[in-house]
Amino acid sequence: MTAASPKRRIGILGGMGPEATVLLMSRIVAMTPAQDDSDHVPLLVDNNTQVPSRIKAIIEKTGEDPGPVLVDMARRLANSGVAALAMPCNTAHHYAGLIAAAVPMIPFLNMIELSADHVAELERNLRNRASRRVGMLASPAVRVTGIFDRAFAARRLETLYPSDPNRMLACIKAIKADSRDAKARGILKESAEELRAEGADVLLVACSELSIIADVIPKDLPVVDTIDVLAGAVVAFSGGPSVREISGGPIDDRAAPGGSA
């Protein structure tokens, strides 16, 4: 019997926020078929809570540029011998080009591109359902930077956002302070319902803080969580079988024809 190949170590650019970083790690563990410790993905995590605020830098235009700090994190992880990099913060992917250029010797598992591929695959696979409009449950910074808009436009998909960006931002800040916040959970649920009413065919949880409370999202539409997609890609790259071979993690497709209730 041939021994399994050693798993490749993945470096995580974390701390944005810390609970979301732990969430990614827990989902990687949950997605990994394992009988023993050695079956799991080895991770080297830089849980850097001191990365400059993406909100202050991108939305408020008053804060320090996070780019140099993220580049420094990536280089340290690369120099520590990781085989690839991953980052659970959607907004911080605005700096993905800088990160990838700083460590050209190893791949950066880009959560934006992976998630866009995943939604496009969902469109092709759902029976008689055309997922042309993606409802974005995300930080307003994601819309300001256009990182998902460009990715989906390249795949001929449209994006829809909640009408009140300030309310969504308040929701995210509340989760950072206390993920048990009932008002934040209400805002996320209402935002999902608004996007459905506006014609979204699929909902994308595209903020790792929102991923923490994503259980409140109604399941009458397919829901894709970028944290799940990234976790699946990490498992697949490390050498273990992924939950889904397309782009990474699982989707909640209970609303799809033929899906389970």
Protein backbone atom coordinates (compact mmCIF):
# COMPACT_ATOMS: atom_id res chain seq x y z
CA MET A 1 0.00 0.00 0.00
CA THR A 2 1.46 3.37 -1.04
CA ALA A 3 1.69 6.03 1.67
CA ALA A 4 -0.19 9.26 1.06
CA SER A 5 1.90 12.20 -0.12
CA PRO A 6 2.60 14.83 2.54
CA LYS A 7 0.17 17.74 2.50
CA ARG A 8 1.53 21.06 1.27
CA ARG A 9 1.58 23.86 3.85
CA ILE A 10 -0.59 26.91 3.14
CA GLY A 11 0.13 30.40 4.44
CA ILE A 12 -2.85 32.46 5.63
CA LEU A 13 -2.82 36.26 5.61
CA GLY A 14 -5.22 36.70 8.51
CA GLY A 15 -6.37 39.05 11.23
CA MET A 16 -8.91 40.83 8.99
CA GLY A 17 -10.74 40.11 11.23
CA PRO A 18 -9.45 37.50 13.67
CA GLU A 19 -12.78 35.67 14.07
CA ALA A 20 -13.11 35.41 10.29
CA THR A 21 -9.60 33.95 10.14
CA VAL A 22 -10.57 31.30 12.68
CA LEU A 23 -13.71 30.63 10.64
CA LEU A 24 -11.63 29.90 7.53
CA MET A 25 -9.44 27.53 9.51
CA SER A 26 -12.44 25.71 10.94
CA ARG A 27 -14.00 25.29 7.51
CA ILE A 28 -10.74 23.95 6.10
CA VAL A 29 -10.75 21.36 8.89
CA ALA A 30 -14.41 20.52 8.27
CA MET A 31 -13.86 20.03 4.53
CA THR A 32 -10.84 17.77 4.91
CA PRO A 33 -11.47 14.01 4.89
CA ALA A 34 -9.30 12.89 7.79
CA GLN A 35 -8.71 9.94 10.08
CA ASP A 36 -5.74 11.42 11.93
CA ASP A 37 -3.94 14.74 12.50
CA SER A 38 -1.58 14.11 9.59
CA ASP A 39 -4.51 14.01 7.16
CA HIS A 40 -5.26 17.69 7.77
CA VAL A 41 -3.90 20.72 5.91
CA PRO A 42 -0.81 22.23 7.56
CA LEU A 43 -1.36 25.96 7.96
CA LEU A 44 0.95 28.82 8.86
CA VAL A 45 -1.30 31.70 9.94
CA ASP A 46 -0.27 35.32 10.33
CA ASN A 47 -3.24 36.55 12.37
CA ASN A 48 -2.13 40.16 12.01
CA THR A 49 -4.78 42.30 13.67
CA GLN A 50 -2.63 45.38 13.03
CA VAL A 51 -3.19 45.53 9.25
CA PRO A 52 -4.37 49.10 8.56
CA SER A 53 -8.13 49.44 8.22
CA ARG A 54 -9.37 48.72 4.71
CA ILE A 55 -12.49 50.76 5.49
CA LYS A 56 -10.47 53.85 6.43
CA ALA A 57 -8.15 53.48 3.45
CA ILE A 58 -10.72 52.67 0.75
CA ILE A 59 -14.00 54.24 1.85
CA GLU A 60 -13.06 57.06 4.20
CA LYS A 61 -9.79 57.92 2.41
CA THR A 62 -8.21 58.83 5.74
CA GLY A 63 -6.28 55.73 6.70
CA GLU A 64 -2.88 54.21 6.07
CA ASP A 65 -2.39 52.07 2.96
CA PRO A 66 -2.69 48.38 3.93
CA GLY A 67 -0.76 47.28 0.83
CA PRO A 68 2.80 47.41 2.24
CA VAL A 69 1.79 45.53 5.39
CA LEU A 70 0.09 42.79 3.35
CA VAL A 71 3.14 42.49 1.10
CA ASP A 72 5.39 42.16 4.16
CA MET A 73 3.12 39.43 5.56
CA ALA A 74 3.17 37.57 2.25
CA ARG A 75 6.96 37.68 2.06
CA ARG A 76 7.39 36.42 5.61
CA LEU A 77 5.05 33.52 4.97
CA ALA A 78 6.78 32.70 1.67
CA ASN A 79 10.16 32.77 3.37
CA SER A 80 8.80 30.36 5.97
CA GLY A 81 8.31 27.71 3.32
CA VAL A 82 4.60 27.72 2.53
CA ALA A 83 3.51 26.33 -0.83
CA ALA A 84 0.71 28.85 -1.47
CA LEU A 85 -1.00 31.84 0.10
CA ALA A 86 -4.65 32.46 0.94
CA MET A 87 -6.44 35.44 2.49
CA PRO A 88 -9.99 35.32 3.90
CA CYS A 89 -10.65 39.09 3.70
CA ASN A 90 -12.59 39.88 0.51
CA THR A 91 -11.90 43.62 0.60
CA ALA A 92 -8.16 43.09 1.05
CA HIS A 93 -8.16 41.36 -2.35
CA HIS A 94 -8.02 44.89 -3.73
CA TYR A 95 -4.30 44.43 -3.01
CA ALA A 96 -4.08 40.93 -4.50
CA GLY A 97 -1.93 42.10 -7.40
CA LEU A 98 0.65 43.58 -5.02
CA ILE A 99 0.69 40.41 -2.94
CA ALA A 100 1.09 38.11 -5.94
CA ALA A 101 3.84 40.28 -7.42
CA ALA A 102 5.74 40.27 -4.13
CA VAL A 103 5.92 36.46 -3.98
CA PRO A 104 6.00 35.26 -7.60
CA MET A 105 7.55 31.94 -6.57
CA ILE A 106 4.32 30.65 -5.00
CA PRO A 107 0.64 30.92 -6.02
CA PHE A 108 -1.86 33.22 -4.36
CA LEU A 109 -5.27 31.50 -4.12
CA ASN A 110 -7.42 34.43 -5.21
CA MET A 111 -10.78 34.18 -3.47
CA ILE A 112 -12.41 36.68 -5.85
CA GLU A 113 -11.54 34.78 -9.03
CA LEU A 114 -12.27 31.40 -7.42
CA SER A 115 -15.69 32.59 -6.26
CA ALA A 116 -16.55 34.11 -9.63
CA ASP A 117 -15.63 30.82 -11.30
CA HIS A 118 -17.75 28.97 -8.77
CA VAL A 119 -20.84 31.10 -9.39
CA ALA A 120 -20.36 30.81 -13.16
CA GLU A 121 -20.19 27.02 -12.76
CA LEU A 122 -23.34 27.14 -10.66
CA GLU A 123 -25.08 28.93 -13.52
CA ARG A 124 -24.10 26.14 -15.91
CA ASN A 125 -25.06 23.31 -13.56
CA LEU A 126 -28.36 24.35 -12.03
CA ARG A 127 -31.14 22.72 -13.97
CA ASN A 128 -33.12 25.23 -16.05
CA ARG A 129 -32.01 28.11 -13.88
CA ALA A 130 -30.12 31.11 -15.24
CA SER A 131 -28.04 32.75 -12.51
CA ARG A 132 -27.31 35.98 -14.35
CA ARG A 133 -27.63 38.41 -11.42
CA VAL A 134 -25.48 37.97 -8.34
CA GLY A 135 -26.73 39.55 -5.11
CA MET A 136 -23.70 40.89 -3.24
CA LEU A 137 -23.67 40.66 0.54
CA ALA A 138 -20.43 42.54 1.01
CA SER A 139 -18.66 45.57 2.41
CA PRO A 140 -19.29 48.80 0.49
CA ALA A 141 -15.51 48.82 -0.06
CA VAL A 142 -15.97 45.85 -2.40
CA ARG A 143 -18.24 47.96 -4.59
CA VAL A 144 -15.91 50.98 -4.41
CA THR A 145 -12.96 48.92 -5.63
CA GLY A 146 -15.00 46.99 -8.23
CA ILE A 147 -13.09 43.77 -7.59
CA PHE A 148 -16.14 41.53 -7.88
CA ASP A 149 -17.83 43.64 -10.55
CA ARG A 150 -14.87 43.12 -12.90
CA ALA A 151 -14.62 39.42 -12.13
CA PHE A 152 -18.31 38.79 -12.77
CA ALA A 153 -18.47 41.04 -15.84
CA ALA A 154 -15.71 38.91 -17.37
CA ARG A 155 -18.03 35.93 -16.92
CA ARG A 156 -21.10 37.79 -18.25
CA LEU A 157 -22.73 38.04 -14.84
CA GLU A 158 -24.28 41.15 -13.27
CA THR A 159 -23.92 42.27 -9.65
CA LEU A 160 -26.60 43.74 -7.38
CA TYR A 161 -25.91 45.49 -4.07
CA PRO A 162 -28.14 46.47 -1.13
CA SER A 163 -29.54 49.99 -1.52
CA ASP A 164 -28.04 51.37 1.72
CA PRO A 165 -24.26 50.86 1.85
CA ASN A 166 -23.99 52.68 5.19
CA ARG A 167 -26.34 50.17 6.79
CA MET A 168 -24.27 47.27 5.48
CA LEU A 169 -21.09 48.90 6.78
CA ALA A 170 -22.70 49.36 10.19
CA CYS A 171 -23.62 45.68 10.14
CA ILE A 172 -20.01 44.65 9.49
CA LYS A 173 -18.64 46.95 12.19
CA ALA A 174 -21.16 45.53 14.67
CA ILE A 175 -20.03 41.97 13.87
CA LYS A 176 -16.40 42.96 14.42
CA ALA A 177 -17.38 44.24 17.87
CA ASP A 178 -19.66 41.30 18.73
CA SER A 179 -20.66 38.57 16.28
CA ARG A 180 -23.71 37.81 18.44
CA ASP A 181 -25.19 41.26 17.69
CA ALA A 182 -28.89 40.76 16.96
CA LYS A 183 -29.23 43.99 14.96
CA ALA A 184 -26.44 42.95 12.62
CA ARG A 185 -28.12 39.62 12.03
CA GLY A 186 -31.36 41.41 11.20
CA ILE A 187 -29.63 43.72 8.73
CA LEU A 188 -28.02 40.81 6.90
CA LYS A 189 -31.29 38.91 6.66
CA GLU A 190 -33.16 41.98 5.39
CA SER A 191 -30.40 42.77 2.87
CA ALA A 192 -30.62 39.25 1.46
CA GLU A 193 -34.39 39.58 1.14
CA GLU A 194 -33.96 42.95 -0.61
CA LEU A 195 -31.56 41.48 -3.16
CA ARG A 196 -33.93 38.60 -3.84
CA ALA A 197 -36.77 41.08 -4.41
CA GLU A 198 -34.56 43.07 -6.79
CA GLY A 199 -34.04 40.01 -8.98
CA ALA A 200 -30.90 38.29 -7.71
CA ASP A 201 -30.62 34.68 -8.92
CA VAL A 202 -27.87 33.73 -6.46
CA LEU A 203 -26.54 35.36 -3.28
CA LEU A 204 -22.82 35.72 -2.64
CA VAL A 205 -21.58 36.17 0.92
CA ALA A 206 -18.54 38.28 0.07
CA CYS A 207 -17.43 39.60 3.45
CA SER A 208 -15.82 37.23 5.93
CA GLU A 209 -17.52 39.02 8.83
CA LEU A 210 -20.88 38.30 7.20
CA SER A 211 -19.81 34.68 6.78
CA ILE A 212 -19.80 34.41 10.57
CA ILE A 213 -23.57 35.06 10.73
CA ALA A 214 -24.57 33.69 7.33
CA ASP A 215 -26.94 31.20 8.94
CA VAL A 216 -29.59 33.98 9.03
CA ILE A 217 -29.71 34.26 5.22
CA PRO A 218 -32.97 32.83 3.80
CA LYS A 219 -32.31 29.74 1.68
CA ASP A 220 -34.91 30.31 -1.03
CA LEU A 221 -32.05 31.18 -3.42
CA PRO A 222 -28.70 29.46 -3.90
CA VAL A 223 -26.13 30.92 -1.50
CA VAL A 224 -22.38 30.86 -2.15
CA ASP A 225 -19.97 31.85 0.61
CA THR A 226 -16.53 32.99 -0.50
CA ILE A 227 -15.00 31.58 2.69
CA ASP A 228 -16.27 28.12 1.71
CA VAL A 229 -14.89 28.51 -1.80
CA LEU A 230 -11.48 29.51 -0.47
CA ALA A 231 -11.45 26.74 2.12
CA GLY A 232 -12.18 24.17 -0.58
CA ALA A 233 -9.40 25.57 -2.77
CA VAL A 234 -6.95 25.35 0.13
CA VAL A 235 -7.87 21.70 0.78
CA ALA A 236 -7.55 20.87 -2.92
CA PHE A 237 -4.21 22.63 -3.34
CA SER A 238 -2.73 21.09 -0.23
CA GLY A 239 -3.20 17.66 -1.77
CA GLY A 240 -6.38 16.31 -0.30
CA PRO A 241 -9.65 15.78 -2.24
CA SER A 242 -11.85 18.86 -2.26
CA VAL A 243 -15.55 18.85 -1.47
CA ARG A 244 -16.21 20.11 -5.00
CA GLU A 245 -13.70 19.94 -7.84
CA ILE A 246 -14.87 23.28 -9.25
CA SER A 247 -12.96 26.17 -7.73
CA GLY A 248 -13.28 25.01 -4.15
CA GLY A 249 -15.94 24.90 -1.50
CA PRO A 250 -19.55 23.88 -1.29
CA ILE A 251 -22.60 25.91 -2.09
CA ASP A 252 -25.93 25.93 -0.35
CA ASP A 253 -28.20 24.98 -3.25
CA ARG A 254 -31.28 23.92 -1.34
CA ALA A 255 -33.38 26.29 -3.47
CA ALA A 256 -32.14 24.74 -6.70
CA PRO A 257 -34.35 22.33 -8.63
CA GLY A 258 -33.62 18.90 -7.28
CA GLY A 259 -31.97 20.29 -4.12
CA SER A 260 -32.81 18.88 -0.73
CA ALA A 261 -35.12 20.74 1.59
